[in-house]
C-alpha atoms as a PDB file:
ATOM      1  CA  MET A   1     103.654  51.572 110.779  1.00  0.00           C
ATOM      2  CA  ALA A   2     106.145  54.342 111.424  1.00  0.00           C
ATOM      3  CA  PHE A   3     103.295  56.847 111.643  1.00  0.00           C
ATOM      4  CA  GLN A   4     101.530  54.705 114.264  1.00  0.00           C
ATOM      5  CA  LEU A   5     104.745  54.429 116.340  1.00  0.00           C
ATOM      6  CA  CYS A   6     105.220  58.217 116.195  1.00  0.00           C
ATOM      7  CA  SER A   7     101.604  58.821 117.171  1.00  0.00           C
ATOM      8  CA  CYS A   8     101.892  56.393 120.093  1.00  0.00           C
ATOM      9  CA  TRP A   9     105.121  58.038 121.270  1.00  0.00           C
ATOM     10  CA  THR A  10     103.554  61.511 120.982  1.00  0.00           C
ATOM     11  CA  LEU A  11     100.534  60.354 122.987  1.00  0.00           C
ATOM     12  CA  HIS A  12     102.737  59.007 125.795  1.00  0.00           C
ATOM     13  CA  LEU A  13     104.753  62.245 125.810  1.00  0.00           C
ATOM     14  CA  CYS A  14     101.581  64.346 126.116  1.00  0.00           C
ATOM     15  CA  ILE A  15     100.344  62.180 128.992  1.00  0.00           C
ATOM     16  CA  PHE A  16     103.703  62.580 130.770  1.00  0.00           C
ATOM     17  CA  VAL A  17     103.653  66.387 130.343  1.00  0.00           C
ATOM     18  CA  PHE A  18     100.044  66.525 131.572  1.00  0.00           C
ATOM     19  CA  LEU A  19     100.876  64.514 134.702  1.00  0.00           C
ATOM     20  CA  LEU A  20     103.942  66.682 135.340  1.00  0.00           C
ATOM     21  CA  ARG A  21     101.792  69.810 135.138  1.00  0.00           C
ATOM     22  CA  ASN A  22      99.281  68.354 137.573  1.00  0.00           C
ATOM     23  CA  ILE A  23     102.056  67.548 140.040  1.00  0.00           C
ATOM     24  CA  SER A  24     103.436  71.099 139.801  1.00  0.00           C
ATOM     25  CA  SER A  25      99.999  72.703 140.170  1.00  0.00           C
ATOM     26  CA  ALA A  26      99.270  70.710 143.357  1.00  0.00           C
ATOM     27  CA  GLN A  27     102.287  72.359 144.979  1.00  0.00           C
ATOM     28  CA  SER A  28     102.032  75.961 143.865  1.00  0.00           C
ATOM     29  CA  SER A  29     102.975  77.630 147.111  1.00  0.00           C
ATOM     30  CA  GLN A  30     105.954  77.517 149.480  1.00  0.00           C
ATOM     31  CA  TYR A  31     103.606  77.209 152.463  1.00  0.00           C
ATOM     32  CA  THR A  32     100.715  74.836 153.114  1.00  0.00           C
ATOM     33  CA  LEU A  33      98.075  74.938 155.838  1.00  0.00           C
ATOM     34  CA  ASN A  34      96.746  71.809 157.499  1.00  0.00           C
ATOM     35  CA  HIS A  35      93.643  72.324 159.648  1.00  0.00           C
ATOM     36  CA  ASN A  36      93.857  68.886 161.284  1.00  0.00           C
ATOM     37  CA  LYS A  37      94.636  69.392 164.959  1.00  0.00           C
ATOM     38  CA  LEU A  38      97.619  67.281 165.987  1.00  0.00           C
ATOM     39  CA  SER A  39     100.351  67.317 168.600  1.00  0.00           C
ATOM     40  CA  PHE A  40     103.586  69.051 167.634  1.00  0.00           C
ATOM     41  CA  ASN A  41     105.521  65.854 166.875  1.00  0.00           C
ATOM     42  CA  ASN A  42     102.689  64.352 164.812  1.00  0.00           C
ATOM     43  CA  ALA A  43     102.240  67.628 162.935  1.00  0.00           C
ATOM     44  CA  ALA A  44     105.965  67.665 162.074  1.00  0.00           C
ATOM     45  CA  LYS A  45     105.640  64.140 160.662  1.00  0.00           C
ATOM     46  CA  LYS A  46     102.582  65.086 158.573  1.00  0.00           C
ATOM     47  CA  CYS A  47     104.381  67.788 156.555  1.00  0.00           C
ATOM     48  CA  PRO A  48     104.504  66.355 153.012  1.00  0.00           C
ATOM     49  CA  GLY A  49     107.714  65.469 151.184  1.00  0.00           C
ATOM     50  CA  SER A  50     110.752  67.519 152.149  1.00  0.00           C
ATOM     51  CA  SER A  51     108.709  70.229 153.861  1.00  0.00           C
ATOM     52  CA  VAL A  52     108.980  71.012 157.580  1.00  0.00           C
ATOM     53  CA  LEU A  53     107.015  73.042 160.092  1.00  0.00           C
ATOM     54  CA  THR A  54     107.499  76.609 158.960  1.00  0.00           C
ATOM     55  CA  THR A  55     109.826  79.315 160.219  1.00  0.00           C
ATOM     56  CA  ILE A  56     108.665  82.907 160.759  1.00  0.00           C
ATOM     57  CA  ALA A  57     112.114  84.444 161.048  1.00  0.00           C
ATOM     58  CA  THR A  58     111.560  87.447 158.735  1.00  0.00           C
ATOM     59  CA  GLN A  59     108.833  90.044 158.261  1.00  0.00           C
ATOM     60  CA  GLN A  60     108.325  88.783 154.706  1.00  0.00           C
ATOM     61  CA  GLU A  61     107.578  85.292 156.013  1.00  0.00           C
ATOM     62  CA  VAL A  62     105.129  86.726 158.547  1.00  0.00           C
ATOM     63  CA  ASP A  63     103.285  88.717 155.859  1.00  0.00           C
ATOM     64  CA  GLU A  64     103.110  85.769 153.459  1.00  0.00           C
ATOM     65  CA  ILE A  65     101.871  83.350 156.124  1.00  0.00           C
ATOM     66  CA  LEU A  66      99.225  85.788 157.402  1.00  0.00           C
ATOM     67  CA  LYS A  67      98.076  86.346 153.828  1.00  0.00           C
ATOM     68  CA  LEU A  68      97.760  82.582 153.364  1.00  0.00           C
ATOM     69  CA  ILE A  69      95.771  82.254 156.596  1.00  0.00           C
ATOM     70  CA  PHE A  70      93.388  85.055 155.582  1.00  0.00           C
ATOM     71  CA  LYS A  71      92.714  83.415 152.225  1.00  0.00           C
ATOM     72  CA  SER A  72      92.157  79.967 153.719  1.00  0.00           C
ATOM     73  CA  GLU A  73      88.691  78.481 153.980  1.00  0.00           C
ATOM     74  CA  PRO A  74      87.010  78.560 156.395  1.00  0.00           C
ATOM     75  CA  PHE A  75      88.480  81.819 157.681  1.00  0.00           C
ATOM     76  CA  GLN A  76      88.378  82.434 161.429  1.00  0.00           C
ATOM     77  CA  ASN A  77      89.015  85.668 163.287  1.00  0.00           C
ATOM     78  CA  GLU A  78      91.160  83.797 165.813  1.00  0.00           C
ATOM     79  CA  PHE A  79      93.709  81.185 164.829  1.00  0.00           C
ATOM     80  CA  THR A  80      96.503  79.058 166.300  1.00  0.00           C
ATOM     81  CA  PHE A  81      99.011  77.119 164.175  1.00  0.00           C
ATOM     82  CA  TRP A  82     102.074  75.095 165.095  1.00  0.00           C
ATOM     83  CA  VAL A  83     105.325  76.539 163.696  1.00  0.00           C
ATOM     84  CA  GLY A  84     108.714  74.842 163.649  1.00  0.00           C
ATOM     85  CA  LEU A  85     110.033  76.263 166.921  1.00  0.00           C
ATOM     86  CA  ARG A  86     110.991  74.002 169.824  1.00  0.00           C
ATOM     87  CA  ILE A  87     113.217  73.793 172.903  1.00  0.00           C
ATOM     88  CA  THR A  88     114.156  70.414 174.383  1.00  0.00           C
ATOM     89  CA  SER A  89     114.269  69.380 178.037  1.00  0.00           C
ATOM     90  CA  SER A  90     118.080  69.492 177.953  1.00  0.00           C
ATOM     91  CA  GLU A  91     118.034  73.270 177.365  1.00  0.00           C
ATOM     92  CA  CYS A  92     116.785  76.150 179.495  1.00  0.00           C
ATOM     93  CA  ILE A  93     114.447  79.019 178.674  1.00  0.00           C
ATOM     94  CA  ASP A  94     116.451  82.246 178.263  1.00  0.00           C
ATOM     95  CA  ARG A  95     114.252  85.357 178.186  1.00  0.00           C
ATOM     96  CA  SER A  96     117.195  87.561 177.216  1.00  0.00           C
ATOM     97  CA  LYS A  97     117.224  85.975 173.737  1.00  0.00           C
ATOM     98  CA  PRO A  98     114.742  86.920 170.988  1.00  0.00           C
ATOM     99  CA  LEU A  99     113.512  83.314 170.623  1.00  0.00           C
ATOM    100  CA  ARG A 100     113.895  82.634 174.382  1.00  0.00           C
ATOM    101  CA  GLY A 101     116.250  79.721 173.637  1.00  0.00           C
ATOM    102  CA  PHE A 102     113.886  78.003 171.161  1.00  0.00           C
ATOM    103  CA  LYS A 103     115.373  76.718 167.887  1.00  0.00           C
ATOM    104  CA  TRP A 104     113.967  76.286 164.378  1.00  0.00           C
ATOM    105  CA  LEU A 105     113.429  72.690 163.268  1.00  0.00           C
ATOM    106  CA  GLU A 106     114.535  73.609 159.746  1.00  0.00           C
ATOM    107  CA  ASN A 107     118.168  74.457 160.584  1.00  0.00           C
ATOM    108  CA  ASN A 108     118.458  74.126 164.391  1.00  0.00           C
ATOM    109  CA  SER A 109     119.302  77.849 164.673  1.00  0.00           C
ATOM    110  CA  GLU A 110     118.137  80.672 166.921  1.00  0.00           C
ATOM    111  CA  GLU A 111     118.430  83.382 164.258  1.00  0.00           C
ATOM    112  CA  SER A 112     115.341  85.520 163.732  1.00  0.00           C
ATOM    113  CA  GLU A 113     114.747  89.065 162.512  1.00  0.00           C
ATOM    114  CA  VAL A 114     111.249  88.988 163.998  1.00  0.00           C
ATOM    115  CA  SER A 115     110.534  88.129 167.620  1.00  0.00           C
ATOM    116  CA  GLN A 116     107.034  88.855 168.862  1.00  0.00           C
ATOM    117  CA  TRP A 117     105.740  86.847 171.799  1.00  0.00           C
ATOM    118  CA  ALA A 118     102.094  87.086 172.792  1.00  0.00           C
ATOM    119  CA  GLU A 119     102.954  85.123 175.930  1.00  0.00           C
ATOM    120  CA  ASP A 120     106.447  84.719 177.389  1.00  0.00           C
ATOM    121  CA  PRO A 121     107.425  81.124 178.227  1.00  0.00           C
ATOM    122  CA  GLU A 122     107.932  80.224 181.871  1.00  0.00           C
ATOM    123  CA  HIS A 123     111.476  79.428 182.927  1.00  0.00           C
ATOM    124  CA  THR A 124     112.119  75.691 182.743  1.00  0.00           C
ATOM    125  CA  CYS A 125     114.993  73.311 182.036  1.00  0.00           C
ATOM    126  CA  THR A 126     113.169  70.008 182.413  1.00  0.00           C
ATOM    127  CA  THR A 127     110.377  69.841 179.806  1.00  0.00           C
ATOM    128  CA  ASP A 128     110.048  70.084 176.039  1.00  0.00           C
ATOM    129  CA  ARG A 129     108.253  73.231 174.909  1.00  0.00           C
ATOM    130  CA  CYS A 130     107.000  74.072 171.422  1.00  0.00           C
ATOM    131  CA  ALA A 131     105.771  77.355 169.961  1.00  0.00           C
ATOM    132  CA  ALA A 132     102.626  78.178 168.025  1.00  0.00           C
ATOM    133  CA  LEU A 133     101.561  81.227 166.041  1.00  0.00           C
ATOM    134  CA  LYS A 134      98.464  82.761 167.626  1.00  0.00           C
ATOM    135  CA  GLY A 135      96.600  85.629 165.995  1.00  0.00           C
ATOM    136  CA  GLN A 136      93.414  87.651 165.967  1.00  0.00           C
ATOM    137  CA  PHE A 137      91.831  89.766 163.223  1.00  0.00           C
ATOM    138  CA  ASP A 138      89.213  92.334 164.278  1.00  0.00           C
ATOM    139  CA  GLY A 139      88.409  93.639 160.807  1.00  0.00           C
ATOM    140  CA  SER A 140      90.917  96.486 160.733  1.00  0.00           C
ATOM    141  CA  ASN A 141      94.152  95.157 162.195  1.00  0.00           C
ATOM    142  CA  VAL A 142      95.989  91.940 162.897  1.00  0.00           C
ATOM    143  CA  THR A 143      97.389  91.037 166.298  1.00  0.00           C
ATOM    144  CA  TRP A 144      99.740  88.070 166.330  1.00  0.00           C
ATOM    145  CA  GLY A 145     102.458  86.552 168.458  1.00  0.00           C
ATOM    146  CA  LEU A 146     104.169  83.354 169.544  1.00  0.00           C
ATOM    147  CA  ILE A 147     102.913  81.318 172.496  1.00  0.00           C
ATOM    148  CA  PRO A 148     104.653  78.419 174.301  1.00  0.00           C
ATOM    149  CA  LEU A 149     102.702  75.146 174.484  1.00  0.00           C
ATOM    150  CA  ASN A 150     103.125  71.543 175.545  1.00  0.00           C
ATOM    151  CA  CYS A 151     104.571  69.582 172.624  1.00  0.00           C
ATOM    152  CA  HIS A 152     102.670  66.389 173.477  1.00  0.00           C
ATOM    153  CA  LYS A 153      99.368  67.402 175.094  1.00  0.00           C
ATOM    154  CA  ASP A 154      98.341  70.480 173.078  1.00  0.00           C
ATOM    155  CA  LYS A 155      96.896  69.922 169.610  1.00  0.00           C
ATOM    156  CA  ASN A 156      96.658  72.546 166.871  1.00  0.00           C
ATOM    157  CA  ALA A 157      96.530  73.024 163.129  1.00  0.00           C
ATOM    158  CA  PHE A 158      99.938  73.521 161.539  1.00  0.00           C
ATOM    159  CA  ILE A 159     101.821  75.261 158.723  1.00  0.00           C
ATOM    160  CA  CYS A 160     104.408  73.461 156.587  1.00  0.00           C
ATOM    161  CA  LYS A 161     107.138  75.048 154.492  1.00  0.00           C
ATOM    162  CA  VAL A 162     109.372  73.666 151.757  1.00  0.00           C
ATOM    163  CA  LYS A 163     112.995  73.649 152.918  1.00  0.00           C
ATOM    164  CA  ASP A 164     115.244  76.378 151.519  1.00  0.00           C
ATOM    165  CA  GLY A 165     117.137  75.151 148.484  1.00  0.00           C
ATOM    166  CA  ASP A 166     114.365  72.846 147.222  1.00  0.00           C
ATOM    167  CA  THR A 167     113.429  74.213 143.807  1.00  0.00           C
ATOM    168  CA  THR A 168     110.530  71.832 143.206  1.00  0.00           C
ATOM    169  CA  ILE A 169     108.081  74.329 144.699  1.00  0.00           C
ATOM    170  CA  LYS A 170     108.417  78.044 144.048  1.00  0.00           C
ATOM    171  CA  LEU A 171     106.813  80.751 146.096  1.00  0.00           C
ATOM    172  CA  GLY A 172     103.877  82.356 144.389  1.00  0.00           C
ATOM    173  CA  SER A 173     104.209  80.220 141.232  1.00  0.00           C
ATOM    174  CA  GLU A 174     101.024  79.658 139.278  1.00  0.00           C
ATOM    175  CA  PRO A 175     100.533  76.558 137.077  1.00  0.00           C
ATOM    176  CA  PRO A 176     100.488  77.492 133.376  1.00  0.00           C
ATOM    177  CA  PRO A 177      97.090  76.880 131.754  1.00  0.00           C
ATOM    178  CA  PRO A 178      96.830  74.226 129.034  1.00  0.00           C
ATOM    179  CA  GLU A 179      97.467  75.633 125.576  1.00  0.00           C
ATOM    180  CA  ASP A 180      94.082  74.550 124.277  1.00  0.00           C
ATOM    181  CA  THR A 181      92.161  75.908 127.281  1.00  0.00           C
ATOM    182  CA  PRO A 182      91.170  79.599 127.287  1.00  0.00           C
ATOM    183  CA  ILE A 183      92.069  81.487 130.417  1.00  0.00           C
ATOM    184  CA  LYS A 184      89.002  82.311 132.471  1.00  0.00           C
ATOM    185  CA  PRO A 185      89.029  85.409 134.635  1.00  0.00           C
ATOM    186  CA  SER A 186      89.104  84.420 138.281  1.00  0.00           C
ATOM    187  CA  LYS A 187      86.469  85.797 140.584  1.00  0.00           C
ATOM    188  CA  PRO A 188      87.854  88.197 143.153  1.00  0.00           C
ATOM    189  CA  LYS A 189      87.845  86.675 146.609  1.00  0.00           C
ATOM    190  CA  ARG A 190      86.426  88.647 149.457  1.00  0.00           C
ATOM    191  CA  GLU A 191      89.171  89.658 151.859  1.00  0.00           C
ATOM    192  CA  PRO A 192      88.198  89.102 155.506  1.00  0.00           C
ATOM    193  CA  GLY A 193      87.109  92.184 157.349  1.00  0.00           C
ATOM    194  CA  PHE A 194      86.238  94.295 154.269  1.00  0.00           C
ATOM    195  CA  ILE A 195      83.014  95.197 152.487  1.00  0.00           C
ATOM    196  CA  ASN A 196      82.186  93.112 149.405  1.00  0.00           C
ATOM    197  CA  ASP A 197      81.456  95.832 146.840  1.00  0.00           C
ATOM    198  CA  SER A 198      81.816  96.074 143.095  1.00  0.00           C
ATOM    199  CA  HIS A 199      84.093  99.080 143.314  1.00  0.00           C
ATOM    200  CA  SER A 200      87.758  98.122 143.637  1.00  0.00           C
ATOM    201  CA  ALA A 201      88.519 101.239 145.649  1.00  0.00           C
ATOM    202  CA  GLU A 202      86.004 100.206 148.262  1.00  0.00           C
ATOM    203  CA  LEU A 203      87.301  96.633 148.193  1.00  0.00           C
ATOM    204  CA  ARG A 204      90.819  97.834 148.964  1.00  0.00           C
ATOM    205  CA  SER A 205      89.843 100.368 151.591  1.00  0.00           C
ATOM    206  CA  CYS A 206      90.535  99.639 155.248  1.00  0.00           C
ATOM    207  CA  GLN A 207      88.148 100.218 158.093  1.00  0.00           C
ATOM    208  CA  ARG A 208      88.841 103.243 160.247  1.00  0.00           C
ATOM    209  CA  PRO A 209      90.721 101.967 163.317  1.00  0.00           C
ATOM    210  CA  SER A 210      89.344 102.683 166.769  1.00  0.00           C
ATOM    211  CA  ILE A 211      92.050 104.414 168.833  1.00  0.00           C
ATOM    212  CA  PRO A 212      90.302 106.371 171.610  1.00  0.00           C
ATOM    213  CA  GLU A 213      93.670 107.025 173.263  1.00  0.00           C
ATOM    214  CA  ALA A 214      94.785 109.174 170.294  1.00  0.00           C
ATOM    215  CA  ARG A 215      94.493 112.940 170.247  1.00  0.00           C
ATOM    216  CA  SER A 216      93.204 112.942 166.662  1.00  0.00           C
ATOM    217  CA  LEU A 217      92.809 110.684 163.592  1.00  0.00           C
ATOM    218  CA  LYS A 218      93.244 112.412 160.242  1.00  0.00           C
ATOM    219  CA  MET A 219      92.240 110.520 157.070  1.00  0.00           C
ATOM    220  CA  LEU A 220      94.307 111.326 153.960  1.00  0.00           C
ATOM    221  CA  SER A 221      94.508 110.249 150.295  1.00  0.00           C
ATOM    222  CA  GLY A 222      90.905 109.127 150.008  1.00  0.00           C
ATOM    223  CA  ASN A 223      90.873 107.162 153.249  1.00  0.00           C
ATOM    224  CA  MET A 224      93.912 105.137 152.112  1.00  0.00           C
ATOM    225  CA  LYS A 225      96.207 106.853 154.614  1.00  0.00           C
ATOM    226  CA  ILE A 226      95.649 107.911 158.194  1.00  0.00           C
ATOM    227  CA  GLN A 227      97.704 110.037 160.551  1.00  0.00           C
ATOM    228  CA  VAL A 228      97.388 109.043 164.204  1.00  0.00           C
ATOM    229  CA  GLN A 229      98.304 112.000 166.404  1.00  0.00           C
ATOM    230  CA  CYS A 230      98.957 111.166 170.044  1.00  0.00           C
ATOM    231  CA  TRP A 231      99.696 113.600 172.826  1.00  0.00           C
ATOM    232  CA  SER A 232     103.262 114.831 173.528  1.00  0.00           C
ATOM    233  CA  SER A 233     103.910 115.250 169.747  1.00  0.00           C
ATOM    234  CA  ILE A 234     103.920 111.480 169.053  1.00  0.00           C
ATOM    235  CA  SER A 235     102.387 110.499 165.699  1.00  0.00           C
ATOM    236  CA  PHE A 236     102.067 107.453 163.421  1.00  0.00           C
ATOM    237  CA  ASP A 237     101.445 107.393 159.654  1.00  0.00           C
ATOM    238  CA  LEU A 238      99.476 104.320 158.533  1.00  0.00           C
ATOM    239  CA  VAL A 239      98.891 103.263 154.920  1.00  0.00           C
ATOM    240  CA  CYS A 240      96.141 100.938 153.680  1.00  0.00           C
ATOM    241  CA  SER A 241      98.039  98.625 151.329  1.00  0.00           C
ATOM    242  CA  GLY A 242      99.450  95.168 150.644  1.00  0.00           C
ATOM    243  CA  GLU A 243      97.906  91.734 150.518  1.00  0.00           C
ATOM    244  CA  PRO A 244      95.890  91.331 152.626  1.00  0.00           C
ATOM    245  CA  THR A 245      94.828  94.962 152.458  1.00  0.00           C
ATOM    246  CA  VAL A 246      95.313  96.146 156.030  1.00  0.00           C
ATOM    247  CA  TRP A 247      96.817  99.112 157.824  1.00  0.00           C
ATOM    248  CA  ARG A 248     100.591  99.088 157.542  1.00  0.00           C
ATOM    249  CA  LEU A 249     103.454 101.325 158.600  1.00  0.00           C
ATOM    250  CA  GLU A 250     105.291 103.343 155.958  1.00  0.00           C
ATOM    251  CA  ASN A 251     108.025 100.662 155.814  1.00  0.00           C
ATOM    252  CA  GLY A 252     105.429  98.035 154.805  1.00  0.00           C
ATOM    253  CA  ALA A 253     105.264  96.210 158.138  1.00  0.00           C
ATOM    254  CA  LEU A 254     101.857  95.352 159.581  1.00  0.00           C
ATOM    255  CA  ALA A 255     100.611  98.056 161.932  1.00  0.00           C
ATOM    256  CA  ASN A 256     100.044  96.797 165.461  1.00  0.00           C
ATOM    257  CA  ILE A 257      97.047  98.900 166.512  1.00  0.00           C
ATOM    258  CA  THR A 258      97.262  97.560 170.070  1.00  0.00           C
ATOM    259  CA  ALA A 259     100.856  98.789 170.387  1.00  0.00           C
ATOM    260  CA  ILE A 260      99.852 102.181 168.969  1.00  0.00           C
ATOM    261  CA  LYS A 261      97.054 102.413 171.546  1.00  0.00           C
ATOM    262  CA  ILE A 262      99.578 101.712 174.311  1.00  0.00           C
ATOM    263  CA  GLU A 263     101.963 104.375 172.970  1.00  0.00           C
ATOM    264  CA  CYS A 264      99.148 106.939 172.807  1.00  0.00           C
ATOM    265  CA  ALA A 265      98.004 105.991 176.317  1.00  0.00           C
ATOM    266  CA  ASN A 266     101.547 106.463 177.638  1.00  0.00           C
ATOM    267  CA  ALA A 267     101.780 109.811 175.863  1.00  0.00           C
ATOM    268  CA  THR A 268      98.445 110.829 177.398  1.00  0.00           C
ATOM    269  CA  GLN A 269      99.739 109.881 180.843  1.00  0.00           C
ATOM    270  CA  LYS A 270     102.859 111.992 180.274  1.00  0.00           C
ATOM    271  CA  GLU A 271     100.677 114.903 179.191  1.00  0.00           C
ATOM    272  CA  GLU A 272      98.516 114.506 182.290  1.00  0.00           C
ATOM    273  CA  ASP A 273     101.632 114.395 184.451  1.00  0.00           C
ATOM    274  CA  SER A 274     102.829 117.591 182.787  1.00  0.00           C
ATOM    275  CA  VAL A 275      99.461 119.248 183.438  1.00  0.00           C
ATOM    276  CA  LEU A 276      99.588 118.034 187.032  1.00  0.00           C
ATOM    277  CA  TRP A 277     103.044 119.555 187.375  1.00  0.00           C
ATOM    278  CA  SER A 278     101.964 122.905 185.938  1.00  0.00           C
ATOM    279  CA  THR A 279      98.615 123.164 187.765  1.00  0.00           C
ATOM    280  CA  ILE A 280      99.431 121.745 191.198  1.00  0.00           C
ATOM    281  CA  LEU A 281     103.095 121.218 191.872  1.00  0.00           C
ATOM    282  CA  LEU A 282     104.278 124.513 190.391  1.00  0.00           C
ATOM    283  CA  PRO A 283     101.935 126.671 192.534  1.00  0.00           C
ATOM    284  CA  VAL A 284     102.950 124.633 195.579  1.00  0.00           C
ATOM    285  CA  LEU A 285     106.605 125.352 194.864  1.00  0.00           C
ATOM    286  CA  ILE A 286     105.854 129.049 194.382  1.00  0.00           C
ATOM    287  CA  ALA A 287     103.911 129.162 197.658  1.00  0.00           C
ATOM    288  CA  THR A 288     106.776 127.378 199.414  1.00  0.00           C
ATOM    289  CA  GLY A 289     109.244 129.917 198.033  1.00  0.00           C
ATOM    290  CA  VAL A 290     107.081 132.821 199.204  1.00  0.00           C
ATOM    291  CA  LEU A 291     106.771 131.232 202.658  1.00  0.00           C
ATOM    292  CA  VAL A 292     110.530 130.812 202.923  1.00  0.00           C
ATOM    293  CA  PHE A 293     111.009 134.449 201.882  1.00  0.00           C
ATOM    294  CA  LEU A 294     108.538 135.615 204.542  1.00  0.00           C
ATOM    295  CA  LEU A 295     110.285 133.520 207.184  1.00  0.00           C
ATOM    296  CA  VAL A 296     113.618 135.089 206.243  1.00  0.00           C
ATOM    297  CA  VAL A 297     112.110 138.593 206.425  1.00  0.00           C
ATOM    298  CA  ILE A 298     110.571 137.827 209.826  1.00  0.00           C
ATOM    299  CA  ALA A 299     113.847 136.414 211.106  1.00  0.00           C
ATOM    300  CA  VAL A 300     115.780 139.489 209.954  1.00  0.00           C
ATOM    301  CA  THR A 301     113.168 141.805 211.490  1.00  0.00           C
ATOM    302  CA  VAL A 302     113.253 139.977 214.827  1.00  0.00           C
ATOM    303  CA  LYS A 303     117.018 140.078 214.869  1.00  0.00           C
ATOM    304  CA  CYS A 304     117.019 143.816 214.184  1.00  0.00           C
ATOM    305  CA  CYS A 305     114.483 144.382 216.962  1.00  0.00           C
ATOM    306  CA  LEU A 306     116.562 142.347 219.397  1.00  0.00           C
ATOM    307  CA  ASN A 307     119.672 144.294 218.456  1.00  0.00           C
ATOM    308  CA  ARG A 308     117.865 147.590 219.007  1.00  0.00           C
ATOM    309  CA  ARG A 309     116.503 146.411 222.337  1.00  0.00           C
ATOM    310  CA  SER A 310     119.902 145.257 223.548  1.00  0.00           C
ATOM    311  CA  LYS A 311     121.389 148.559 222.430  1.00  0.00           C
ATOM    312  CA  LYS A 312     118.764 150.504 224.374  1.00  0.00           C
ATOM    313  CA  ARG A 313     119.439 148.391 227.438  1.00  0.00           C
ATOM    314  CA  ALA A 314     123.148 149.123 227.132  1.00  0.00           C
ATOM    315  CA  ILE A 315     122.454 152.856 226.885  1.00  0.00           C
ATOM    316  CA  LYS A 316     120.165 152.797 229.923  1.00  0.00           C
ATOM    317  CA  LYS A 317     122.712 150.821 231.882  1.00  0.00           C
ATOM    318  CA  ALA A 318     125.404 153.343 231.005  1.00  0.00           C
ATOM    319  CA  GLU A 319     123.127 156.203 232.048  1.00  0.00           C
ATOM    320  CA  LYS A 320     122.401 154.512 235.364  1.00  0.00           C
ATOM    321  CA  MET A 321     126.089 153.968 236.024  1.00  0.00           C
ATOM    322  CA  GLU A 322     126.759 157.604 235.190  1.00  0.00           C
ATOM    323  CA  MET A 323     124.015 158.733 237.594  1.00  0.00           C
ATOM    324  CA  LYS A 324     125.416 156.561 240.350  1.00  0.00           C
ATOM    325  CA  SER A 325     128.878 157.996 239.793  1.00  0.00           C
ATOM    326  CA  LYS A 326     127.487 161.533 239.911  1.00  0.00           C
ATOM    327  CA  ASN A 327     125.524 160.804 243.072  1.00  0.00           C
ATOM    328  CA  ARG A 328     128.627 159.460 244.698  1.00  0.00           C
ATOM    329  CA  LYS A 329     130.554 162.608 243.824  1.00  0.00           C
ATOM    330  CA  ASP A 330     127.773 164.850 245.171  1.00  0.00           C
ATOM    331  CA  SER A 331     127.609 162.832 248.387  1.00  0.00           C
ATOM    332  CA  PHE A 332     131.362 163.091 248.817  1.00  0.00           C
ATOM    333  CA  SER A 333     131.262 166.878 248.311  1.00  0.00           C
ATOM    334  CA  LEU A 334     128.394 167.260 250.802  1.00  0.00           C
ATOM    335  CA  LYS A 335     130.242 165.223 253.375  1.00  0.00           C
ATOM    336  CA  LYS A 336     133.297 167.379 252.854  1.00  0.00           C
ATOM    337  CA  VAL A 337     131.284 170.578 253.339  1.00  0.00           C
ATOM    338  CA  ILE A 338     129.681 169.188 256.477  1.00  0.00           C
ATOM    339  CA  SER A 339     133.076 168.199 257.739  1.00  0.00           C
ATOM    340  CA  LEU A 340     134.419 171.718 257.153  1.00  0.00           C
ATOM    341  CA  LEU A 341     131.420 173.265 258.847  1.00  0.00           C
ATOM    342  CA  ASN A 342     131.864 170.993 261.818  1.00  0.00           C
ATOM    343  CA  GLY A 343     135.525 171.982 262.040  1.00  0.00           C
ATOM    344  CA  MET A 344     134.711 175.638 261.926  1.00  0.00           C
ATOM    345  CA  GLU A 345     132.083 175.193 264.596  1.00  0.00           C
ATOM    346  CA  VAL A 346     134.576 173.469 266.894  1.00  0.00           C
ATOM    347  CA  LYS A 347     137.092 176.249 266.412  1.00  0.00           C
ATOM    348  CA  PHE A 348     134.471 178.890 267.141  1.00  0.00           C
ATOM    349  CA  THR A 349     133.476 177.134 270.324  1.00  0.00           C
ATOM    350  CA  LEU A 350     137.066 176.917 271.534  1.00  0.00           C
ATOM    351  CA  LYS A 351     137.584 180.620 271.003  1.00  0.00           C
ATOM    352  CA  ASN A 352     134.609 181.494 273.058  1.00  0.00           C
END
């Protein structure tokens, strides 16, 4: 009888442990995706248990959520998910703030280490606005950002997150296999955008990015690292790593190929401006300087000629005045001689 009671108790205990394991394995991740398209408010209500629409306030959260999206089925190159970011009609959009005045549903705060908007919200103080995570994957890089949407009219899939402090669900936890069940090796899943090959090196390799604005692209370390050299001595070092395996910066952050293209394009424009300066503007300045020098030389020459001419005129005038004075003296002397001769003639006549 005692043996039967012990066996019955042991059986109930095993059933309880088995059910507990099943509950834990159903919630093995901190984040969950729901592909049902709902309005923001309905999506917030559909998050199971104590979970809420997710935050993306840190780079780690961004990486983990993007990884979850890439591994979801069916995978799509373009995606839009509600996140827990909202601003009410009693508050105004403020573009000077990283979150533009939006607040997280989880803690009603505006704190965020990451702020990347694909589309800036229009200024309003009269309507509720909610934010969604919008992204695109072209096979070699991920472009993502926040977009403002209508909380009631727009409908999207959504991402839920267990509130901080809830230890029921642990990030990245895997359910332990039953003791009497041998562990079977899991089949490697094909990462989106990469070639499905038997060689792990090829599986983890990234596609060569297309950056026509760059001066050169130099592949290093067996195509696992690339150096993007722009004009004007601007360069970027990208590493193929992480999960998902994509191009990342040396600090581990996802590489924004679009932003790198813009930087290289700006550097190219600066280089072209420099070439324009050296090939066109510089010769123009030199020619202008030469012209100014010639004008100064001509002005000095003309002034010297005028001075010489005025000096010659002064000399001629002095000579003329001297000639007139001499002529006057000669005329006076002649008159005096004539006068003397006339006097002598009168005297001679009187004597006779």
